[in-house]
């Protein structure tokens, strides 16, 4: 009997933990896109095609700056946020897939 009730209790704990993680990862818990409009926006042209641009919010944290990629991930700015955004998005394949010239 003890094993059965302990098993039910542990399954309930696992289910509650999974539910809490699912709610925390949901877009509504993370904030809507309206929340990102309060961050300053940067617009970066492609290094290879200046007519191609991308815009994204930048947030300033005590540890450094982060830029938000189109998929929603925040990444740390490397040299600067313009460089990071450009190389992680519009110039990614041209920088890393092109053969050396």
N, C-alpha and C. Protein backbone atom coordinates (compact mmCIF):
# COMPACT_ATOMS: atom_id res chain seq x y z
N UNK A 1 0.80 -1.20 0.00
CA UNK A 1 0.00 0.00 0.00
C UNK A 1 0.85 1.27 0.00
N UNK A 2 1.96 1.25 0.74
CA UNK A 2 2.79 2.44 0.82
C UNK A 2 3.38 2.75 -0.55
N UNK A 3 3.82 1.75 -1.29
CA UNK A 3 4.40 1.95 -2.61
C UNK A 3 3.41 2.55 -3.58
N UNK A 4 2.14 2.17 -3.47
CA UNK A 4 1.13 2.68 -4.38
C UNK A 4 0.86 4.16 -4.12
N UNK A 5 0.70 4.55 -2.87
CA UNK A 5 0.41 5.96 -2.58
C UNK A 5 1.64 6.83 -2.86
N UNK A 6 2.83 6.29 -2.61
CA UNK A 6 4.05 7.05 -2.93
C UNK A 6 4.18 7.23 -4.43
N UNK A 7 3.82 6.21 -5.19
CA UNK A 7 3.88 6.30 -6.65
C UNK A 7 2.90 7.34 -7.17
N UNK A 8 1.69 7.38 -6.60
CA UNK A 8 0.70 8.37 -7.01
C UNK A 8 1.17 9.78 -6.66
N UNK A 9 1.78 9.91 -5.48
CA UNK A 9 2.28 11.21 -5.06
C UNK A 9 3.40 11.69 -5.99
N UNK A 10 4.32 10.80 -6.33
CA UNK A 10 5.42 11.21 -7.20
C UNK A 10 4.91 11.54 -8.60
N UNK A 11 3.90 10.82 -9.08
CA UNK A 11 3.33 11.14 -10.39
C UNK A 11 2.63 12.49 -10.35
N UNK A 12 1.98 12.81 -9.22
CA UNK A 12 1.32 14.11 -9.09
C UNK A 12 2.36 15.23 -9.08
N UNK A 13 3.47 15.00 -8.42
CA UNK A 13 4.54 16.00 -8.37
C UNK A 13 5.12 16.20 -9.76
N UNK A 14 5.34 15.13 -10.50
CA UNK A 14 5.87 15.23 -11.86
C UNK A 14 4.89 15.98 -12.75
N UNK A 15 3.60 15.66 -12.64
CA UNK A 15 2.59 16.33 -13.45
C UNK A 15 2.52 17.82 -13.12
N UNK A 16 2.57 18.17 -11.84
CA UNK A 16 2.51 19.57 -11.44
C UNK A 16 3.75 20.33 -11.93
N UNK A 17 4.91 19.69 -11.86
CA UNK A 17 6.14 20.31 -12.34
C UNK A 17 6.07 20.54 -13.84
N UNK A 18 5.60 19.55 -14.58
CA UNK A 18 5.48 19.69 -16.04
C UNK A 18 4.52 20.82 -16.40
N UNK A 19 3.41 20.91 -15.67
CA UNK A 19 2.44 21.97 -15.94
C UNK A 19 3.05 23.33 -15.65
N UNK A 20 3.78 23.46 -14.56
CA UNK A 20 4.42 24.73 -14.20
C UNK A 20 5.45 25.14 -15.26
N UNK A 21 6.21 24.18 -15.76
CA UNK A 21 7.20 24.48 -16.79
C UNK A 21 6.53 24.89 -18.10
N UNK A 22 5.42 24.23 -18.43
CA UNK A 22 4.71 24.57 -19.67
C UNK A 22 4.14 25.98 -19.59
N UNK A 23 3.61 26.36 -18.44
CA UNK A 23 3.05 27.71 -18.28
C UNK A 23 4.16 28.75 -18.32
N UNK A 24 5.29 28.45 -17.68
CA UNK A 24 6.41 29.40 -17.66
C UNK A 24 6.99 29.60 -19.05
N UNK A 25 6.94 28.58 -19.90
CA UNK A 25 7.51 28.68 -21.24
C UNK A 25 6.54 29.25 -22.26
N UNK A 26 5.29 29.45 -21.87
CA UNK A 26 4.31 29.93 -22.83
C UNK A 26 4.57 31.39 -23.17
N UNK A 27 4.17 31.83 -24.38
CA UNK A 27 4.42 33.21 -24.80
C UNK A 27 3.74 34.23 -23.88
N UNK A 28 2.56 33.89 -23.34
CA UNK A 28 1.88 34.86 -22.48
C UNK A 28 2.64 35.07 -21.18
N UNK A 29 3.32 34.03 -20.69
CA UNK A 29 4.10 34.18 -19.47
C UNK A 29 5.37 34.97 -19.74
N UNK A 30 5.93 34.82 -20.92
CA UNK A 30 7.17 35.52 -21.26
C UNK A 30 6.91 36.97 -21.63
N UNK A 31 5.67 37.31 -21.92
CA UNK A 31 5.35 38.67 -22.33
C UNK A 31 5.03 38.71 -23.81
N UNK A 32 4.15 39.60 -24.17
CA UNK A 32 3.77 39.70 -25.57
C UNK A 32 4.76 40.57 -26.33
N UNK A 33 4.59 40.64 -27.64
CA UNK A 33 5.47 41.47 -28.44
C UNK A 33 5.32 42.95 -28.08
N UNK A 34 4.17 43.32 -27.51
CA UNK A 34 3.98 44.71 -27.09
C UNK A 34 4.97 45.10 -26.01
N UNK A 35 5.36 44.13 -25.18
CA UNK A 35 6.33 44.42 -24.12
C UNK A 35 7.69 44.76 -24.71
N UNK A 36 8.04 44.21 -25.87
CA UNK A 36 9.34 44.46 -26.47
C UNK A 36 9.40 45.82 -27.15
N UNK A 37 8.27 46.45 -27.36
CA UNK A 37 8.27 47.76 -28.00
C UNK A 37 8.84 48.83 -27.09
N UNK A 38 8.96 48.53 -25.79
CA UNK A 38 9.54 49.50 -24.87
C UNK A 38 11.07 49.51 -24.95
N UNK A 39 11.65 48.48 -25.57
CA UNK A 39 13.09 48.43 -25.74
C UNK A 39 13.49 49.26 -26.95
N UNK A 40 14.69 49.87 -26.93
CA UNK A 40 15.15 50.59 -28.12
C UNK A 40 15.32 49.62 -29.30
N UNK A 41 15.00 50.08 -30.48
CA UNK A 41 15.11 49.27 -31.70
C UNK A 41 16.34 49.67 -32.48
N UNK A 42 16.99 48.68 -33.08
CA UNK A 42 18.08 48.97 -34.02
C UNK A 42 17.70 48.40 -35.37
N UNK A 43 18.17 49.04 -36.43
CA UNK A 43 17.97 48.55 -37.79
C UNK A 43 19.35 48.43 -38.43
N UNK A 44 19.61 47.25 -38.98
CA UNK A 44 20.94 46.95 -39.51
C UNK A 44 20.83 46.54 -40.98
N UNK A 45 21.61 47.14 -41.87
CA UNK A 45 21.63 46.69 -43.26
C UNK A 45 22.60 45.51 -43.42
N UNK A 46 22.35 44.71 -44.43
CA UNK A 46 23.26 43.62 -44.75
C UNK A 46 24.59 44.19 -45.23
N UNK A 47 25.65 43.52 -44.88
CA UNK A 47 26.97 43.95 -45.34
C UNK A 47 27.13 43.67 -46.84
N UNK A 48 26.38 42.70 -47.35
CA UNK A 48 26.51 42.27 -48.73
C UNK A 48 25.44 42.87 -49.65
N UNK A 49 24.28 43.24 -49.08
CA UNK A 49 23.19 43.82 -49.87
C UNK A 49 22.54 44.91 -49.02
N UNK A 50 22.97 46.16 -49.16
CA UNK A 50 22.47 47.24 -48.29
C UNK A 50 20.96 47.47 -48.36
N UNK A 51 20.30 46.96 -49.40
CA UNK A 51 18.85 47.13 -49.47
C UNK A 51 18.11 46.16 -48.55
N UNK A 52 18.82 45.16 -48.03
CA UNK A 52 18.23 44.20 -47.09
C UNK A 52 18.55 44.66 -45.68
N UNK A 53 17.50 44.87 -44.87
CA UNK A 53 17.71 45.31 -43.50
C UNK A 53 16.92 44.44 -42.53
N UNK A 54 17.26 44.52 -41.27
CA UNK A 54 16.53 43.83 -40.21
C UNK A 54 16.51 44.74 -38.99
N UNK A 55 15.38 44.73 -38.27
CA UNK A 55 15.23 45.53 -37.06
C UNK A 55 14.96 44.60 -35.88
N UNK A 56 15.44 45.00 -34.72
CA UNK A 56 15.24 44.18 -33.53
C UNK A 56 15.40 45.04 -32.28
N UNK A 57 14.76 44.64 -31.18
CA UNK A 57 14.94 45.37 -29.92
C UNK A 57 16.25 44.99 -29.24
N UNK A 58 16.77 45.91 -28.47
CA UNK A 58 18.00 45.70 -27.69
C UNK A 58 17.67 46.00 -26.24
N UNK A 59 18.13 45.14 -25.34
CA UNK A 59 17.93 45.42 -23.92
C UNK A 59 19.29 45.53 -23.24
N UNK A 60 19.34 46.43 -22.28
CA UNK A 60 20.58 46.70 -21.55
C UNK A 60 20.47 46.04 -20.17
N UNK A 61 21.38 45.14 -19.87
CA UNK A 61 21.42 44.45 -18.59
C UNK A 61 22.72 44.79 -17.89
N UNK A 62 22.80 44.57 -16.58
CA UNK A 62 24.05 44.85 -15.87
C UNK A 62 25.25 44.07 -16.43
N UNK A 63 25.00 42.86 -16.98
CA UNK A 63 26.08 42.03 -17.52
C UNK A 63 26.47 42.42 -18.94
N UNK A 64 25.65 43.21 -19.60
CA UNK A 64 25.92 43.60 -20.98
C UNK A 64 24.62 43.73 -21.76
N UNK A 65 24.74 43.98 -23.04
CA UNK A 65 23.57 44.18 -23.90
C UNK A 65 23.17 42.87 -24.58
N UNK A 66 21.87 42.75 -24.88
CA UNK A 66 21.34 41.62 -25.62
C UNK A 66 20.46 42.13 -26.74
N UNK A 67 20.43 41.40 -27.86
CA UNK A 67 19.56 41.72 -28.98
C UNK A 67 18.63 40.53 -29.18
N UNK A 68 17.39 40.81 -29.59
CA UNK A 68 16.39 39.75 -29.76
C UNK A 68 16.36 39.32 -31.23
N UNK A 69 16.57 38.04 -31.46
CA UNK A 69 16.53 37.49 -32.82
C UNK A 69 15.09 37.29 -33.25
N UNK A 70 14.83 37.16 -34.56
CA UNK A 70 13.46 37.00 -35.04
C UNK A 70 12.69 35.84 -34.41
N UNK A 71 13.36 34.77 -34.03
CA UNK A 71 12.68 33.64 -33.40
C UNK A 71 12.28 33.88 -31.96
N UNK A 72 12.76 34.99 -31.38
CA UNK A 72 12.40 35.33 -30.02
C UNK A 72 13.52 35.15 -29.00
N UNK A 73 14.62 34.54 -29.40
CA UNK A 73 15.74 34.32 -28.47
C UNK A 73 16.53 35.61 -28.28
N UNK A 74 16.93 35.87 -27.04
CA UNK A 74 17.81 36.99 -26.72
C UNK A 74 19.23 36.46 -26.71
N UNK A 75 20.13 37.11 -27.44
CA UNK A 75 21.53 36.69 -27.48
C UNK A 75 22.40 37.86 -27.03
N UNK A 76 23.53 37.52 -26.42
CA UNK A 76 24.47 38.55 -25.96
C UNK A 76 25.12 39.21 -27.16
N UNK A 77 25.27 40.51 -27.09
CA UNK A 77 25.94 41.25 -28.15
C UNK A 77 27.44 40.98 -28.05
N UNK A 78 28.06 40.64 -29.17
CA UNK A 78 29.48 40.30 -29.19
C UNK A 78 30.32 41.57 -29.30
N UNK A 79 30.69 41.96 -30.49
CA UNK A 79 31.45 43.21 -30.68
C UNK A 79 30.53 44.39 -30.36
N UNK A 80 29.38 44.40 -31.01
CA UNK A 80 28.30 45.32 -30.69
C UNK A 80 27.00 44.68 -31.18
N UNK A 81 25.87 45.25 -30.84
CA UNK A 81 24.59 44.62 -31.18
C UNK A 81 24.31 44.64 -32.68
N UNK A 82 24.80 45.66 -33.39
CA UNK A 82 24.63 45.70 -34.84
C UNK A 82 25.34 44.51 -35.48
N UNK A 83 26.56 44.30 -35.10
CA UNK A 83 27.37 43.19 -35.62
C UNK A 83 26.70 41.84 -35.31
N UNK A 84 26.25 41.66 -34.08
CA UNK A 84 25.63 40.40 -33.67
C UNK A 84 24.35 40.13 -34.44
N UNK A 85 23.49 41.14 -34.55
CA UNK A 85 22.23 40.96 -35.27
C UNK A 85 22.47 40.66 -36.74
N UNK A 86 23.36 41.39 -37.36
CA UNK A 86 23.65 41.19 -38.78
C UNK A 86 24.20 39.77 -39.03
N UNK A 87 25.17 39.35 -38.23
CA UNK A 87 25.81 38.06 -38.46
C UNK A 87 24.94 36.88 -38.06
N UNK A 88 24.01 37.08 -37.15
CA UNK A 88 23.13 35.98 -36.72
C UNK A 88 21.90 35.84 -37.60
N UNK A 89 21.65 36.81 -38.49
CA UNK A 89 20.43 36.76 -39.29
C UNK A 89 20.72 36.93 -40.78
N UNK A 90 20.70 38.16 -41.26
CA UNK A 90 20.71 38.39 -42.71
C UNK A 90 22.02 38.03 -43.40
N UNK A 91 23.14 38.08 -42.69
CA UNK A 91 24.42 37.73 -43.31
C UNK A 91 24.95 36.38 -42.85
N UNK A 92 24.14 35.61 -42.13
CA UNK A 92 24.63 34.36 -41.55
C UNK A 92 25.19 33.41 -42.60
N UNK A 93 24.40 33.08 -43.62
CA UNK A 93 24.86 32.10 -44.61
C UNK A 93 25.97 32.65 -45.49
N UNK A 94 25.97 33.92 -45.74
CA UNK A 94 27.04 34.49 -46.57
C UNK A 94 28.36 34.50 -45.83
N UNK A 95 28.31 34.61 -44.52
CA UNK A 95 29.55 34.64 -43.74
C UNK A 95 30.09 33.23 -43.51
N UNK A 96 29.21 32.26 -43.25
CA UNK A 96 29.67 30.96 -42.80
C UNK A 96 29.56 29.85 -43.84
N UNK A 97 28.85 30.10 -44.93
CA UNK A 97 28.66 29.05 -45.93
C UNK A 97 29.42 29.35 -47.22
N UNK A 98 29.85 30.56 -47.38
CA UNK A 98 30.53 30.94 -48.62
C UNK A 98 31.99 30.47 -48.61
N UNK A 99 32.46 29.98 -49.73
CA UNK A 99 33.87 29.59 -49.78
C UNK A 99 34.77 30.82 -49.73
N UNK A 100 35.98 30.68 -49.23
CA UNK A 100 36.89 31.84 -49.18
C UNK A 100 37.24 32.31 -50.58
N UNK A 101 37.45 33.60 -50.72
CA UNK A 101 37.75 34.17 -52.03
C UNK A 101 39.15 34.71 -52.08
